[in-house]
Protein backbone atom coordinates (compact mmCIF):
# COMPACT_ATOMS: atom_id res chain seq x y z
CA MET A 1 47.76 225.57 106.24
CA GLY A 2 44.10 226.40 105.56
CA ARG A 3 41.05 224.36 106.15
CA LYS A 4 40.05 221.89 103.47
CA ARG A 5 37.10 223.02 101.39
CA ARG A 6 34.23 220.63 101.54
CA LYS A 7 32.42 220.02 98.28
CA SER A 8 29.51 218.04 99.66
CA PHE A 9 27.47 217.73 102.85
CA ARG A 10 28.75 214.14 103.00
CA GLU A 11 32.20 215.54 103.88
CA VAL A 12 30.90 217.47 106.91
CA ARG A 13 31.80 215.72 110.17
CA LEU A 14 28.50 216.62 111.79
CA PHE A 15 26.59 214.98 108.94
CA GLN A 16 28.86 211.92 109.12
CA SER A 17 28.24 211.60 112.88
CA ALA A 18 24.50 211.97 112.38
CA MET A 19 24.46 209.37 109.61
CA ASP A 20 26.53 206.87 111.63
CA ALA A 21 24.24 207.32 114.63
CA ALA A 22 21.11 207.00 112.44
CA MET A 23 22.41 203.71 111.06
CA GLU A 24 23.13 202.43 114.54
CA VAL A 25 19.66 203.43 115.73
CA PHE A 26 18.07 201.77 112.72
CA HIS A 27 19.88 198.48 113.33
CA LEU A 28 19.02 198.53 117.06
CA PHE A 29 15.38 199.51 116.64
CA ARG A 30 14.38 197.59 113.54
CA GLN A 31 14.08 194.53 115.74
CA PHE A 32 11.23 196.08 117.72
CA PRO A 33 7.95 195.25 115.92
CA GLU A 34 6.78 192.63 118.39
CA HIS A 35 4.08 194.93 119.80
CA GLU A 36 2.37 197.99 118.38
CA GLU A 37 3.92 200.34 120.97
CA GLN A 38 7.41 199.05 120.15
CA GLU A 39 6.80 199.44 116.44
CA GLU A 40 5.59 203.03 116.91
CA LEU A 41 8.57 203.94 119.11
CA ALA A 42 10.97 202.39 116.60
CA SER A 43 9.31 204.29 113.77
CA ASP A 44 9.43 207.58 115.72
CA ILE A 45 13.11 207.37 116.65
CA ILE A 46 14.21 206.17 113.20
CA ARG A 47 12.29 209.06 111.62
CA ALA A 48 13.80 211.60 113.98
CA THR A 49 17.37 210.41 113.30
CA ARG A 50 16.77 210.57 109.56
CA ILE A 51 15.44 214.09 109.83
CA VAL A 52 18.55 215.15 111.75
CA CYS A 53 20.69 213.92 108.82
CA ALA A 54 18.44 215.50 106.21
CA LYS A 55 18.33 218.89 107.90
CA ILE A 56 22.10 219.02 108.42
CA ALA A 57 22.50 218.25 104.71
CA ALA A 58 19.92 220.91 103.83
CA ALA A 59 21.68 223.45 106.07
CA TRP A 60 24.94 222.74 104.28
CA GLU A 61 23.34 223.22 100.86
CA SER A 62 21.68 226.48 101.93
CA ARG A 63 24.71 227.85 103.87
CA ARG A 64 24.94 230.92 101.61
CA THR A 65 21.40 231.93 102.64
CA GLY A 66 21.70 232.67 106.36
CA ASP A 67 18.07 232.56 107.45
CA VAL A 68 17.34 229.35 105.53
CA CYS A 69 20.46 227.65 106.83
CA LEU A 70 19.65 228.75 110.38
CA ALA A 71 16.11 227.36 110.09
CA TYR A 72 17.44 223.95 108.98
CA LEU A 73 19.97 223.90 111.82
CA LYS A 74 17.19 224.66 114.33
CA VAL A 75 15.05 221.82 112.97
CA ALA A 76 18.03 219.49 113.19
CA LYS A 77 18.53 220.56 116.81
CA THR A 78 14.84 219.97 117.62
CA HIS A 79 14.93 216.44 116.20
CA THR A 80 18.21 215.71 117.94
CA THR A 81 16.54 216.59 121.24
CA GLU A 82 13.54 214.50 120.27
CA THR A 83 15.89 211.56 119.63
CA LEU A 84 17.28 211.91 123.18
CA VAL A 85 13.75 211.65 124.58
CA PHE A 86 13.03 208.55 122.50
CA LEU A 87 16.27 206.96 123.72
CA ASP A 88 15.20 207.60 127.31
CA VAL A 89 11.76 206.12 126.64
CA ALA A 90 13.27 203.04 124.97
CA HIS A 91 15.64 202.57 127.90
CA GLY A 92 12.87 203.10 130.43
CA LEU A 93 10.78 200.44 128.75
CA GLY A 94 13.70 198.01 128.72
CA TYR A 95 14.28 198.05 124.97
CA LEU A 96 17.82 199.45 125.27
CA ASP A 97 20.38 198.55 127.88
CA VAL A 98 22.23 201.30 129.69
CA THR A 99 25.37 200.90 127.60
CA GLN A 100 23.49 201.27 124.30
CA ARG A 101 21.52 204.24 125.62
CA ASP A 102 24.57 206.00 127.04
CA ARG A 103 26.65 205.56 123.87
CA LEU A 104 23.87 206.97 121.67
CA PHE A 105 23.06 209.65 124.23
CA GLU A 106 26.64 210.91 124.15
CA THR A 107 26.64 210.92 120.37
CA TYR A 108 23.42 212.98 120.20
CA ARG A 109 24.48 215.32 123.04
CA SER A 110 27.70 215.98 121.12
CA MET A 111 25.60 216.76 118.03
CA LEU A 112 23.49 219.16 120.12
CA ARG A 113 26.60 221.01 121.30
CA ARG A 114 27.88 221.27 117.74
CA LEU A 115 24.49 222.44 116.46
CA ASP A 116 24.31 225.03 119.25
CA ARG A 117 27.75 226.37 118.23
CA LEU A 118 26.68 226.58 114.56
CA ILE A 119 23.41 228.32 115.47
CA SER A 120 25.26 230.79 117.70
CA LYS A 121 27.72 231.45 114.89
CA TRP A 122 24.87 232.24 112.48
CA HIS A 123 23.26 234.53 115.05
CA ARG A 124 26.54 236.41 115.55
CA ARG A 125 26.98 236.81 111.78
CA SER A 126 23.47 238.11 111.48
CA GLU A 127 23.94 240.58 114.34
CA ASP A 128 27.29 241.73 112.90
CA PHE A 129 25.64 242.36 109.54
CA LEU A 130 22.75 244.29 111.14
CA ASP A 131 25.15 246.28 113.29
CA ARG A 132 27.15 247.31 110.21
CA TYR A 133 24.46 247.79 107.60
CA GLY A 134 20.93 247.37 108.82
CA ARG A 135 20.19 248.94 112.16
CA ILE A 136 19.34 252.56 112.66
CA ASP A 137 21.05 254.03 115.70
CA GLU A 138 18.50 255.01 118.28
CA ASP A 139 20.74 257.64 119.91
């Protein structure tokens, strides 16, 4: 039995995970605006989680264009890492308890691993193509 063809980025598990996590972050952090620093941190982390979703969707839509897809995946990875930093900051300042932080941390670390695998896959495809068609042997 073959793999099911996905017709939309919404059917991609990585996107679904990112969207679920972004919604959880939004609901946790929207309560923050008591102080300016809290409001800024909430805005930063919510923005980063939304960008992760958007770039995964963009990578899916540009999957036939290797370099473009790879660029979107790298941006998604960057903002996933940024989200981890914001989660640590929020925990360090006492805005998230350890359970909330750890649950979200594991979700975003899992996304990082998946993004790393996708990026590696695109690099291998690119190298295979160059090996077959693009490189001039230097022997």
